[in-house]
Amino acid sequence: MPEVISAELLDKLPATLFTAMHPDHDGRLNASQDLKYIHIIFAMTKNDEWCQRLADNYHLQRCISLVTVDGVQMYDRDVGFYLTVIIGRLYPISRKKNVAFDSLPTQSHSWWTLIKNTWMYAPHSVGNDEYFDGIPTLVTVTKCRIFSGGRPADVTKKVEEALRDLRKPDRQAIFTKNGITQARINDAIDSVQDLWIYLGGVVEQPKTSQMNDGALGL
């Protein structure tokens, strides 16, 4: 019978991981190490209990610091998706726990670039299961103002393109072939469309009456 891992040991793991994957003593960041770290944390944040533990051990702060590291997104487009979803999963928990973290005004541009690129690349780069699992978090984190500064209009454009992609019959055929149910596809469409309407109201308030399927040409 497998040995049960104690809660104390589970509590220690996120802190140990944070220490092991921290930047070198001279402050330099190792891109390969960063990518491995993001993959590990992304897998852990699929579990609610791990999210709670990770939120207590500065992993949100660590991931926020990686937003401005261009190499993180350049080496692997999937990693941009993973990083966005990680922050989206840990941010609300950290706020509830009053875990302090720093966000710099200079990070705002990098953050919105990450959000925009995630909506642009994720539908075609990450696996279908990961994409559909991540959509609710992507929707939430796109609405959040974690960093100061306004939300660029081109973010709305990329969300619209992702919505169009979800509505295409040929894409839906691929999704269902890969095991995504039609109900799950419909839920994703509703979620992304609600976000698009929300962003349209923020970015283009005079045109709110046009935010519907007709405006999308769908």
C-alpha atoms as a PDB file:
ATOM      1  CA  MET A   1       0.000   0.000   0.000  1.00  0.00           C
ATOM      2  CA  PRO A   2       1.520   3.364  -0.936  1.00  0.00           C
ATOM      3  CA  GLU A   3       2.756   5.503   1.941  1.00  0.00           C
ATOM      4  CA  VAL A   4       0.597   8.567   2.634  1.00  0.00           C
ATOM      5  CA  ILE A   5       2.509  11.824   2.263  1.00  0.00           C
ATOM      6  CA  SER A   6       2.085  14.025   5.311  1.00  0.00           C
ATOM      7  CA  ALA A   7       0.419  17.433   5.070  1.00  0.00           C
ATOM      8  CA  GLU A   8       3.553  18.956   6.611  1.00  0.00           C
ATOM      9  CA  LEU A   9       5.707  17.607   3.793  1.00  0.00           C
ATOM     10  CA  LEU A  10       3.214  18.853   1.195  1.00  0.00           C
ATOM     11  CA  ASP A  11       3.273  22.288   2.819  1.00  0.00           C
ATOM     12  CA  LYS A  12       7.074  22.402   2.597  1.00  0.00           C
ATOM     13  CA  LEU A  13       7.286  21.459  -1.081  1.00  0.00           C
ATOM     14  CA  PRO A  14       6.204  24.838  -2.590  1.00  0.00           C
ATOM     15  CA  ALA A  15       8.734  26.706  -0.429  1.00  0.00           C
ATOM     16  CA  THR A  16      11.474  24.246  -1.358  1.00  0.00           C
ATOM     17  CA  LEU A  17      10.565  24.571  -5.032  1.00  0.00           C
ATOM     18  CA  PHE A  18      10.661  28.350  -4.798  1.00  0.00           C
ATOM     19  CA  THR A  19      14.153  28.239  -3.273  1.00  0.00           C
ATOM     20  CA  ALA A  20      15.437  25.706  -5.787  1.00  0.00           C
ATOM     21  CA  MET A  21      14.170  27.646  -8.801  1.00  0.00           C
ATOM     22  CA  HIS A  22      15.082  31.131  -7.580  1.00  0.00           C
ATOM     23  CA  PRO A  23      17.409  33.278  -9.727  1.00  0.00           C
ATOM     24  CA  ASP A  24      21.152  32.801  -9.256  1.00  0.00           C
ATOM     25  CA  HIS A  25      22.805  34.659  -6.408  1.00  0.00           C
ATOM     26  CA  ASP A  26      24.061  37.332  -8.804  1.00  0.00           C
ATOM     27  CA  GLY A  27      20.515  38.071  -9.962  1.00  0.00           C
ATOM     28  CA  ARG A  28      20.801  36.463 -13.389  1.00  0.00           C
ATOM     29  CA  LEU A  29      17.837  34.532 -14.757  1.00  0.00           C
ATOM     30  CA  ASN A  30      18.301  31.198 -16.475  1.00  0.00           C
ATOM     31  CA  ALA A  31      15.802  30.892 -19.353  1.00  0.00           C
ATOM     32  CA  SER A  32      15.884  27.086 -19.400  1.00  0.00           C
ATOM     33  CA  GLN A  33      15.292  26.976 -15.664  1.00  0.00           C
ATOM     34  CA  ASP A  34      12.454  29.481 -15.956  1.00  0.00           C
ATOM     35  CA  LEU A  35      10.709  27.351 -18.580  1.00  0.00           C
ATOM     36  CA  LYS A  36      10.957  24.227 -16.426  1.00  0.00           C
ATOM     37  CA  TYR A  37       9.677  26.164 -13.432  1.00  0.00           C
ATOM     38  CA  ILE A  38       6.642  27.461 -15.357  1.00  0.00           C
ATOM     39  CA  HIS A  39       5.767  23.973 -16.622  1.00  0.00           C
ATOM     40  CA  ILE A  40       5.939  22.572 -13.070  1.00  0.00           C
ATOM     41  CA  ILE A  41       3.863  25.347 -11.512  1.00  0.00           C
ATOM     42  CA  PHE A  42       1.287  25.173 -14.315  1.00  0.00           C
ATOM     43  CA  ALA A  43       0.780  21.459 -13.658  1.00  0.00           C
ATOM     44  CA  MET A  44       0.460  22.076  -9.914  1.00  0.00           C
ATOM     45  CA  THR A  45      -2.106  24.875 -10.322  1.00  0.00           C
ATOM     46  CA  LYS A  46      -4.529  22.431 -11.932  1.00  0.00           C
ATOM     47  CA  ASN A  47      -5.191  21.271  -8.373  1.00  0.00           C
ATOM     48  CA  ASP A  48      -7.019  23.631  -5.985  1.00  0.00           C
ATOM     49  CA  GLU A  49      -5.106  22.445  -2.917  1.00  0.00           C
ATOM     50  CA  TRP A  50      -1.766  23.094  -4.601  1.00  0.00           C
ATOM     51  CA  CYS A  51      -2.973  26.542  -5.614  1.00  0.00           C
ATOM     52  CA  GLN A  52      -3.614  27.322  -1.964  1.00  0.00           C
ATOM     53  CA  ARG A  53      -0.119  26.173  -0.983  1.00  0.00           C
ATOM     54  CA  LEU A  54       1.606  27.939  -3.882  1.00  0.00           C
ATOM     55  CA  ALA A  55      -0.152  31.213  -3.056  1.00  0.00           C
ATOM     56  CA  ASP A  56       1.463  31.184   0.397  1.00  0.00           C
ATOM     57  CA  ASN A  57       5.007  30.856  -0.912  1.00  0.00           C
ATOM     58  CA  TYR A  58       5.665  33.802  -3.227  1.00  0.00           C
ATOM     59  CA  HIS A  59       5.107  31.898  -6.449  1.00  0.00           C
ATOM     60  CA  LEU A  60       2.732  34.584  -7.710  1.00  0.00           C
ATOM     61  CA  GLN A  61       5.477  37.163  -7.194  1.00  0.00           C
ATOM     62  CA  ARG A  62       7.974  34.913  -8.980  1.00  0.00           C
ATOM     63  CA  CYS A  63       5.655  34.437 -11.966  1.00  0.00           C
ATOM     64  CA  ILE A  64       4.877  38.153 -12.134  1.00  0.00           C
ATOM     65  CA  SER A  65       8.618  38.828 -12.312  1.00  0.00           C
ATOM     66  CA  LEU A  66       8.799  36.528 -15.344  1.00  0.00           C
ATOM     67  CA  VAL A  67       6.244  38.587 -17.284  1.00  0.00           C
ATOM     68  CA  THR A  68       8.972  41.004 -18.340  1.00  0.00           C
ATOM     69  CA  VAL A  69      11.431  38.264 -19.349  1.00  0.00           C
ATOM     70  CA  ASP A  70      11.156  38.237 -23.144  1.00  0.00           C
ATOM     71  CA  GLY A  71      12.968  34.925 -23.448  1.00  0.00           C
ATOM     72  CA  VAL A  72      10.202  33.147 -21.562  1.00  0.00           C
ATOM     73  CA  GLN A  73       7.786  33.851 -24.397  1.00  0.00           C
ATOM     74  CA  MET A  74      10.303  33.633 -27.236  1.00  0.00           C
ATOM     75  CA  TYR A  75      11.486  30.092 -26.538  1.00  0.00           C
ATOM     76  CA  ASP A  76       8.057  28.486 -26.283  1.00  0.00           C
ATOM     77  CA  ARG A  77       4.706  30.082 -27.156  1.00  0.00           C
ATOM     78  CA  ASP A  78       2.891  27.594 -24.946  1.00  0.00           C
ATOM     79  CA  VAL A  79       4.756  29.009 -21.960  1.00  0.00           C
ATOM     80  CA  GLY A  80       3.058  32.381 -22.441  1.00  0.00           C
ATOM     81  CA  PHE A  81      -0.272  30.594 -22.060  1.00  0.00           C
ATOM     82  CA  TYR A  82       0.961  28.677 -19.016  1.00  0.00           C
ATOM     83  CA  LEU A  83       2.306  31.806 -17.331  1.00  0.00           C
ATOM     84  CA  THR A  84      -0.930  33.723 -17.916  1.00  0.00           C
ATOM     85  CA  VAL A  85      -3.049  30.897 -16.511  1.00  0.00           C
ATOM     86  CA  ILE A  86      -0.759  30.453 -13.482  1.00  0.00           C
ATOM     87  CA  ILE A  87      -1.073  34.136 -12.577  1.00  0.00           C
ATOM     88  CA  GLY A  88      -4.820  33.991 -13.158  1.00  0.00           C
ATOM     89  CA  ARG A  89      -5.192  31.012 -10.826  1.00  0.00           C
ATOM     90  CA  LEU A  90      -2.962  32.319  -8.032  1.00  0.00           C
ATOM     91  CA  TYR A  91      -3.892  36.016  -8.070  1.00  0.00           C
ATOM     92  CA  PRO A  92      -7.421  35.731  -6.564  1.00  0.00           C
ATOM     93  CA  ILE A  93      -6.210  33.321  -3.861  1.00  0.00           C
ATOM     94  CA  SER A  94      -3.281  35.552  -2.946  1.00  0.00           C
ATOM     95  CA  ARG A  95      -5.601  38.559  -2.639  1.00  0.00           C
ATOM     96  CA  LYS A  96      -7.939  36.649  -0.308  1.00  0.00           C
ATOM     97  CA  LYS A  97      -4.974  35.549   1.784  1.00  0.00           C
ATOM     98  CA  ASN A  98      -3.571  39.112   1.787  1.00  0.00           C
ATOM     99  CA  VAL A  99      -0.263  37.827   0.444  1.00  0.00           C
ATOM    100  CA  ALA A 100       1.666  40.931  -0.577  1.00  0.00           C
ATOM    101  CA  PHE A 101       3.283  41.134  -3.991  1.00  0.00           C
ATOM    102  CA  ASP A 102       4.868  43.912  -6.009  1.00  0.00           C
ATOM    103  CA  SER A 103       3.865  44.944  -9.507  1.00  0.00           C
ATOM    104  CA  LEU A 104       5.765  47.675 -11.288  1.00  0.00           C
ATOM    105  CA  PRO A 105       4.225  50.230 -13.700  1.00  0.00           C
ATOM    106  CA  THR A 106       6.852  49.169 -16.245  1.00  0.00           C
ATOM    107  CA  GLN A 107       5.345  45.666 -16.251  1.00  0.00           C
ATOM    108  CA  SER A 108       2.005  46.846 -17.606  1.00  0.00           C
ATOM    109  CA  HIS A 109       3.063  46.835 -21.263  1.00  0.00           C
ATOM    110  CA  SER A 110       4.677  43.399 -20.952  1.00  0.00           C
ATOM    111  CA  TRP A 111       1.581  42.062 -19.193  1.00  0.00           C
ATOM    112  CA  TRP A 112      -0.838  43.178 -21.889  1.00  0.00           C
ATOM    113  CA  THR A 113       1.539  41.897 -24.578  1.00  0.00           C
ATOM    114  CA  LEU A 114       1.467  38.531 -22.827  1.00  0.00           C
ATOM    115  CA  ILE A 115      -2.352  38.569 -22.636  1.00  0.00           C
ATOM    116  CA  LYS A 116      -2.643  39.548 -26.313  1.00  0.00           C
ATOM    117  CA  ASN A 117      -0.170  36.878 -27.445  1.00  0.00           C
ATOM    118  CA  THR A 118      -1.885  34.252 -25.326  1.00  0.00           C
ATOM    119  CA  TRP A 119      -5.234  34.845 -27.016  1.00  0.00           C
ATOM    120  CA  MET A 120      -3.503  34.944 -30.401  1.00  0.00           C
ATOM    121  CA  TYR A 121      -1.408  31.767 -30.125  1.00  0.00           C
ATOM    122  CA  ALA A 122      -3.121  29.513 -27.572  1.00  0.00           C
ATOM    123  CA  PRO A 123      -5.961  28.300 -29.847  1.00  0.00           C
ATOM    124  CA  HIS A 124      -3.406  26.759 -32.197  1.00  0.00           C
ATOM    125  CA  SER A 125      -0.384  25.954 -30.048  1.00  0.00           C
ATOM    126  CA  VAL A 126      -1.482  24.330 -26.782  1.00  0.00           C
ATOM    127  CA  GLY A 127      -3.367  21.052 -26.534  1.00  0.00           C
ATOM    128  CA  ASN A 128      -7.141  21.224 -26.793  1.00  0.00           C
ATOM    129  CA  ASP A 129      -7.727  20.013 -23.217  1.00  0.00           C
ATOM    130  CA  GLU A 130      -5.304  22.563 -21.774  1.00  0.00           C
ATOM    131  CA  TYR A 131      -6.815  25.340 -23.894  1.00  0.00           C
ATOM    132  CA  PHE A 132     -10.399  24.644 -22.843  1.00  0.00           C
ATOM    133  CA  ASP A 133      -9.370  24.129 -19.210  1.00  0.00           C
ATOM    134  CA  GLY A 134      -7.563  27.464 -19.321  1.00  0.00           C
ATOM    135  CA  ILE A 135     -10.289  29.548 -21.007  1.00  0.00           C
ATOM    136  CA  PRO A 136     -12.207  30.426 -17.792  1.00  0.00           C
ATOM    137  CA  THR A 137      -8.964  31.624 -16.198  1.00  0.00           C
ATOM    138  CA  LEU A 138      -7.939  33.526 -19.338  1.00  0.00           C
ATOM    139  CA  VAL A 139     -11.304  35.276 -19.323  1.00  0.00           C
ATOM    140  CA  THR A 140     -10.967  36.218 -15.654  1.00  0.00           C
ATOM    141  CA  VAL A 141      -7.356  37.371 -15.865  1.00  0.00           C
ATOM    142  CA  THR A 142      -8.049  39.479 -18.974  1.00  0.00           C
ATOM    143  CA  LYS A 143     -10.660  41.367 -16.959  1.00  0.00           C
ATOM    144  CA  CYS A 144      -8.327  41.859 -13.986  1.00  0.00           C
ATOM    145  CA  ARG A 145      -6.193  44.934 -13.599  1.00  0.00           C
ATOM    146  CA  ILE A 146      -3.268  43.306 -11.846  1.00  0.00           C
ATOM    147  CA  PHE A 147      -0.959  45.972 -13.235  1.00  0.00           C
ATOM    148  CA  SER A 148      -1.528  49.696 -13.529  1.00  0.00           C
ATOM    149  CA  GLY A 149      -2.204  51.199 -16.929  1.00  0.00           C
ATOM    150  CA  GLY A 150      -5.037  50.944 -19.415  1.00  0.00           C
ATOM    151  CA  ARG A 151      -5.986  47.844 -21.370  1.00  0.00           C
ATOM    152  CA  PRO A 152      -4.950  48.236 -25.033  1.00  0.00           C
ATOM    153  CA  ALA A 153      -7.644  47.988 -27.706  1.00  0.00           C
ATOM    154  CA  ASP A 154      -5.701  45.302 -29.589  1.00  0.00           C
ATOM    155  CA  VAL A 155      -6.348  42.911 -26.691  1.00  0.00           C
ATOM    156  CA  THR A 156     -10.037  43.130 -27.580  1.00  0.00           C
ATOM    157  CA  LYS A 157      -9.178  42.348 -31.196  1.00  0.00           C
ATOM    158  CA  LYS A 158      -7.330  39.162 -30.254  1.00  0.00           C
ATOM    159  CA  VAL A 159     -10.206  38.023 -28.028  1.00  0.00           C
ATOM    160  CA  GLU A 160     -12.559  38.607 -30.960  1.00  0.00           C
ATOM    161  CA  GLU A 161     -10.320  36.511 -33.227  1.00  0.00           C
ATOM    162  CA  ALA A 162     -10.277  33.703 -30.649  1.00  0.00           C
ATOM    163  CA  LEU A 163     -14.079  33.860 -30.514  1.00  0.00           C
ATOM    164  CA  ARG A 164     -14.348  33.645 -34.287  1.00  0.00           C
ATOM    165  CA  ASP A 165     -12.039  30.622 -34.207  1.00  0.00           C
ATOM    166  CA  LEU A 166     -14.203  28.859 -31.616  1.00  0.00           C
ATOM    167  CA  ARG A 167     -17.315  29.431 -33.729  1.00  0.00           C
ATOM    168  CA  LYS A 168     -15.883  27.905 -36.936  1.00  0.00           C
ATOM    169  CA  PRO A 169     -17.518  24.543 -37.796  1.00  0.00           C
ATOM    170  CA  ASP A 170     -14.235  23.049 -39.036  1.00  0.00           C
ATOM    171  CA  ARG A 171     -12.460  23.983 -35.811  1.00  0.00           C
ATOM    172  CA  GLN A 172     -15.320  22.564 -33.750  1.00  0.00           C
ATOM    173  CA  ALA A 173     -15.018  19.333 -35.728  1.00  0.00           C
ATOM    174  CA  ILE A 174     -11.328  19.142 -34.764  1.00  0.00           C
ATOM    175  CA  PHE A 175     -12.137  19.863 -31.118  1.00  0.00           C
ATOM    176  CA  THR A 176     -14.790  17.135 -30.947  1.00  0.00           C
ATOM    177  CA  LYS A 177     -12.493  14.681 -32.736  1.00  0.00           C
ATOM    178  CA  ASN A 178      -9.919  15.385 -30.008  1.00  0.00           C
ATOM    179  CA  GLY A 179     -12.412  14.618 -27.248  1.00  0.00           C
ATOM    180  CA  ILE A 180     -13.875  18.054 -26.467  1.00  0.00           C
ATOM    181  CA  THR A 181     -17.649  17.780 -26.024  1.00  0.00           C
ATOM    182  CA  GLN A 182     -19.991  20.164 -27.813  1.00  0.00           C
ATOM    183  CA  ALA A 183     -21.301  21.334 -24.440  1.00  0.00           C
ATOM    184  CA  ARG A 184     -17.766  22.288 -23.425  1.00  0.00           C
ATOM    185  CA  ILE A 185     -17.258  24.111 -26.721  1.00  0.00           C
ATOM    186  CA  ASN A 186     -20.532  26.011 -26.226  1.00  0.00           C
ATOM    187  CA  ASP A 187     -19.543  26.991 -22.678  1.00  0.00           C
ATOM    188  CA  ALA A 188     -16.212  28.304 -23.965  1.00  0.00           C
ATOM    189  CA  ILE A 189     -17.940  30.298 -26.704  1.00  0.00           C
ATOM    190  CA  ASP A 190     -20.340  31.860 -24.192  1.00  0.00           C
ATOM    191  CA  SER A 191     -17.475  32.708 -21.834  1.00  0.00           C
ATOM    192  CA  VAL A 192     -15.256  34.288 -24.507  1.00  0.00           C
ATOM    193  CA  GLN A 193     -18.183  36.156 -26.052  1.00  0.00           C
ATOM    194  CA  ASP A 194     -19.112  37.606 -22.648  1.00  0.00           C
ATOM    195  CA  LEU A 195     -15.503  38.751 -22.292  1.00  0.00           C
ATOM    196  CA  TRP A 196     -15.528  40.318 -25.761  1.00  0.00           C
ATOM    197  CA  ILE A 197     -18.686  42.238 -24.917  1.00  0.00           C
ATOM    198  CA  TYR A 198     -17.155  43.317 -21.602  1.00  0.00           C
ATOM    199  CA  LEU A 199     -13.958  44.518 -23.284  1.00  0.00           C
ATOM    200  CA  GLY A 200     -15.934  46.254 -26.003  1.00  0.00           C
ATOM    201  CA  GLY A 201     -17.782  48.178 -23.312  1.00  0.00           C
ATOM    202  CA  VAL A 202     -14.493  49.236 -21.732  1.00  0.00           C
ATOM    203  CA  VAL A 203     -12.539  50.075 -24.874  1.00  0.00           C
ATOM    204  CA  GLU A 204     -15.246  51.380 -27.167  1.00  0.00           C
ATOM    205  CA  GLN A 205     -18.053  52.631 -24.941  1.00  0.00           C
ATOM    206  CA  PRO A 206     -19.881  54.596 -27.697  1.00  0.00           C
ATOM    207  CA  LYS A 207     -20.313  51.331 -29.633  1.00  0.00           C
ATOM    208  CA  THR A 208     -21.740  49.176 -26.858  1.00  0.00           C
ATOM    209  CA  SER A 209     -25.062  48.771 -28.644  1.00  0.00           C
ATOM    210  CA  GLN A 210     -23.235  47.013 -31.495  1.00  0.00           C
ATOM    211  CA  MET A 211     -21.603  44.359 -29.297  1.00  0.00           C
ATOM    212  CA  ASN A 212     -23.480  41.277 -30.427  1.00  0.00           C
ATOM    213  CA  ASP A 213     -23.190  38.367 -32.858  1.00  0.00           C
ATOM    214  CA  GLY A 214     -24.227  40.616 -35.731  1.00  0.00           C
ATOM    215  CA  ALA A 215     -21.301  42.918 -35.077  1.00  0.00           C
ATOM    216  CA  LEU A 216     -19.030  39.890 -35.173  1.00  0.00           C
ATOM    217  CA  GLY A 217     -20.501  38.758 -38.459  1.00  0.00           C
ATOM    218  CA  LEU A 218     -21.149  35.307 -36.974  1.00  0.00           C
END
